[in-house]
């Protein structure tokens, strides 16, 4: 005599976690524009005596300063 098949029981599906949405009380990170970074990097270059060869450092520093300020 064949054995009876077990009935399939379905478990409730777990719902996927919803993405966290920002509320009005959470600050929205604002990235500086290309023009703002360029302006500040130029200022840093002038402050350094207009020496060449460190434009990437100036750009990175300008970007970091502006991101901290926002």
N, C-alpha and C. Protein backbone atom coordinates (compact mmCIF):
# COMPACT_ATOMS: atom_id res chain seq x y z
N UNK A 1 0.84 -1.17 0.00
CA UNK A 1 0.00 0.00 0.00
C UNK A 1 0.90 1.24 0.00
N UNK A 2 0.65 2.18 -0.89
CA UNK A 2 1.48 3.38 -0.96
C UNK A 2 1.28 4.25 0.28
N UNK A 3 2.37 4.90 0.66
CA UNK A 3 2.26 5.78 1.82
C UNK A 3 1.61 7.09 1.39
N UNK A 4 0.78 7.63 2.26
CA UNK A 4 0.11 8.88 1.90
C UNK A 4 1.11 10.03 1.85
N UNK A 5 0.92 10.91 0.89
CA UNK A 5 1.78 12.08 0.77
C UNK A 5 1.43 13.08 1.86
N UNK A 6 2.46 13.64 2.40
CA UNK A 6 2.24 14.66 3.43
C UNK A 6 1.70 15.91 2.77
N UNK A 7 0.78 16.51 3.45
CA UNK A 7 0.22 17.76 2.93
C UNK A 7 1.26 18.86 3.06
N UNK A 8 1.32 19.68 2.05
CA UNK A 8 2.25 20.81 2.10
C UNK A 8 1.61 21.91 2.94
N UNK A 9 2.37 22.36 3.87
CA UNK A 9 1.88 23.50 4.66
C UNK A 9 2.70 24.70 4.25
N UNK A 10 2.03 25.73 3.98
CA UNK A 10 2.77 26.93 3.57
C UNK A 10 2.99 27.83 4.77
N UNK A 11 4.21 28.24 4.90
CA UNK A 11 4.54 29.17 5.96
C UNK A 11 4.28 30.58 5.45
N UNK A 12 3.89 31.46 6.33
CA UNK A 12 3.69 32.84 5.87
C UNK A 12 5.01 33.41 5.36
N UNK A 13 4.93 34.09 4.24
CA UNK A 13 6.14 34.68 3.68
C UNK A 13 6.56 35.89 4.49
N UNK A 14 7.86 36.00 4.61
CA UNK A 14 8.38 37.19 5.27
C UNK A 14 8.34 38.33 4.27
N UNK A 15 7.89 39.46 4.73
CA UNK A 15 7.85 40.60 3.83
C UNK A 15 9.23 41.19 3.74
N UNK A 16 9.57 41.68 2.59
CA UNK A 16 10.89 42.28 2.44
C UNK A 16 10.94 43.58 3.24
N UNK A 17 12.11 43.84 3.74
CA UNK A 17 12.29 45.04 4.54
C UNK A 17 12.13 46.26 3.64
N UNK A 18 11.40 47.20 4.11
CA UNK A 18 11.22 48.43 3.34
C UNK A 18 12.45 49.30 3.49
N UNK A 19 12.72 50.03 2.44
CA UNK A 19 13.84 50.95 2.51
C UNK A 19 13.49 52.06 3.48
N UNK A 20 14.47 52.44 4.25
CA UNK A 20 14.26 53.50 5.22
C UNK A 20 14.16 54.82 4.47
N UNK A 21 13.09 55.50 4.73
CA UNK A 21 12.92 56.80 4.10
C UNK A 21 13.32 57.88 5.08
N UNK A 22 13.84 58.95 4.55
CA UNK A 22 14.27 60.04 5.41
C UNK A 22 13.07 60.86 5.82
N UNK A 23 13.09 61.25 7.07
CA UNK A 23 12.02 62.10 7.56
C UNK A 23 12.52 63.53 7.60
N UNK A 24 11.62 64.41 7.92
CA UNK A 24 11.96 65.83 7.94
C UNK A 24 13.02 66.13 9.00
N UNK A 25 13.10 65.31 10.04
CA UNK A 25 14.07 65.59 11.11
C UNK A 25 15.48 65.12 10.77
N UNK A 26 15.63 64.25 9.76
CA UNK A 26 16.95 63.77 9.39
C UNK A 26 17.56 64.69 8.35
N UNK A 27 18.83 65.07 8.53
CA UNK A 27 19.46 65.94 7.54
C UNK A 27 19.70 65.20 6.23
N UNK A 28 19.50 65.88 5.15
CA UNK A 28 19.74 65.32 3.83
C UNK A 28 21.13 65.74 3.41
N UNK A 29 22.02 64.78 3.13
CA UNK A 29 23.37 65.16 2.73
C UNK A 29 23.35 65.92 1.41
N UNK A 30 24.03 67.04 1.39
CA UNK A 30 24.08 67.86 0.19
C UNK A 30 25.51 67.85 -0.32
N UNK A 31 25.67 67.40 -1.55
CA UNK A 31 26.99 67.37 -2.16
C UNK A 31 27.26 68.72 -2.79
N UNK A 32 28.48 69.23 -2.61
CA UNK A 32 28.83 70.49 -3.26
C UNK A 32 28.86 70.32 -4.77
N UNK A 33 28.57 71.37 -5.48
CA UNK A 33 28.59 71.31 -6.94
C UNK A 33 30.03 71.34 -7.45
N UNK A 34 30.19 70.98 -8.69
CA UNK A 34 31.51 71.01 -9.34
C UNK A 34 32.09 72.42 -9.27
N UNK A 35 31.25 73.41 -9.52
CA UNK A 35 31.71 74.80 -9.51
C UNK A 35 32.16 75.24 -8.13
N UNK A 36 31.44 74.81 -7.08
CA UNK A 36 31.84 75.17 -5.71
C UNK A 36 33.18 74.55 -5.35
N UNK A 37 33.37 73.29 -5.72
CA UNK A 37 34.64 72.62 -5.43
C UNK A 37 35.77 73.30 -6.20
N UNK A 38 35.52 73.61 -7.47
CA UNK A 38 36.55 74.26 -8.29
C UNK A 38 36.94 75.61 -7.72
N UNK A 39 35.94 76.37 -7.26
CA UNK A 39 36.22 77.69 -6.68
C UNK A 39 37.09 77.57 -5.44
N UNK A 40 36.75 76.61 -4.55
CA UNK A 40 37.52 76.45 -3.32
C UNK A 40 38.91 75.88 -3.62
N UNK A 41 39.02 74.96 -4.56
CA UNK A 41 40.32 74.41 -4.93
C UNK A 41 41.21 75.51 -5.49
N UNK A 42 40.64 76.41 -6.25
CA UNK A 42 41.40 77.55 -6.78
C UNK A 42 41.90 78.44 -5.65
N UNK A 43 41.04 78.68 -4.67
CA UNK A 43 41.44 79.48 -3.51
C UNK A 43 42.61 78.82 -2.78
N UNK A 44 42.54 77.51 -2.61
CA UNK A 44 43.63 76.79 -1.94
C UNK A 44 44.92 76.90 -2.74
N UNK A 45 44.83 76.83 -4.06
CA UNK A 45 46.00 76.95 -4.93
C UNK A 45 46.63 78.33 -4.79
N UNK A 46 45.79 79.37 -4.74
CA UNK A 46 46.29 80.73 -4.57
C UNK A 46 46.95 80.88 -3.20
N UNK A 47 46.31 80.33 -2.17
CA UNK A 47 46.86 80.40 -0.81
C UNK A 47 48.20 79.68 -0.71
N UNK A 48 48.42 78.66 -1.50
CA UNK A 48 49.68 77.92 -1.49
C UNK A 48 50.75 78.61 -2.32
N UNK A 49 50.46 79.74 -2.88
CA UNK A 49 51.46 80.46 -3.66
C UNK A 49 51.46 80.09 -5.13
N UNK A 50 50.36 79.52 -5.58
CA UNK A 50 50.17 79.17 -6.99
C UNK A 50 51.22 78.20 -7.52
N UNK A 51 51.68 77.32 -6.64
CA UNK A 51 52.63 76.30 -7.08
C UNK A 51 51.86 75.17 -7.74
N UNK A 52 52.46 74.61 -8.76
CA UNK A 52 51.80 73.56 -9.53
C UNK A 52 52.12 72.18 -9.00
N UNK A 53 51.30 71.21 -9.40
CA UNK A 53 51.58 69.82 -9.08
C UNK A 53 50.75 69.23 -7.96
N UNK A 54 49.89 70.03 -7.34
CA UNK A 54 49.09 69.50 -6.24
C UNK A 54 47.60 69.76 -6.45
N UNK A 55 47.20 69.80 -7.70
CA UNK A 55 45.81 70.11 -7.99
C UNK A 55 44.85 69.05 -7.47
N UNK A 56 45.25 67.78 -7.48
CA UNK A 56 44.37 66.73 -6.96
C UNK A 56 44.19 66.86 -5.45
N UNK A 57 45.26 67.20 -4.74
CA UNK A 57 45.16 67.43 -3.29
C UNK A 57 44.25 68.61 -2.99
N UNK A 58 44.41 69.68 -3.78
CA UNK A 58 43.56 70.86 -3.59
C UNK A 58 42.09 70.49 -3.81
N UNK A 59 41.82 69.73 -4.85
CA UNK A 59 40.45 69.34 -5.17
C UNK A 59 39.86 68.50 -4.04
N UNK A 60 40.60 67.50 -3.58
CA UNK A 60 40.12 66.62 -2.52
C UNK A 60 39.87 67.42 -1.24
N UNK A 61 40.80 68.28 -0.88
CA UNK A 61 40.64 69.09 0.32
C UNK A 61 39.43 70.01 0.21
N UNK A 62 39.26 70.63 -0.95
CA UNK A 62 38.11 71.52 -1.17
C UNK A 62 36.81 70.75 -1.03
N UNK A 63 36.75 69.58 -1.63
CA UNK A 63 35.54 68.74 -1.55
C UNK A 63 35.23 68.36 -0.12
N UNK A 64 36.25 67.94 0.63
CA UNK A 64 36.06 67.55 2.02
C UNK A 64 35.59 68.72 2.87
N UNK A 65 36.21 69.87 2.71
CA UNK A 65 35.82 71.06 3.48
C UNK A 65 34.37 71.43 3.22
N UNK A 66 33.98 71.42 1.96
CA UNK A 66 32.62 71.80 1.60
C UNK A 66 31.59 70.78 2.08
N UNK A 67 31.96 69.52 2.08
CA UNK A 67 31.02 68.50 2.57
C UNK A 67 30.83 68.60 4.08
N UNK A 68 31.90 68.92 4.79
CA UNK A 68 31.78 69.11 6.25
C UNK A 68 30.95 70.33 6.59
N UNK A 69 31.05 71.36 5.74
CA UNK A 69 30.35 72.62 6.01
C UNK A 69 28.85 72.50 5.74
N UNK A 70 28.44 71.54 4.92
CA UNK A 70 27.01 71.45 4.59
C UNK A 70 26.23 70.61 5.57
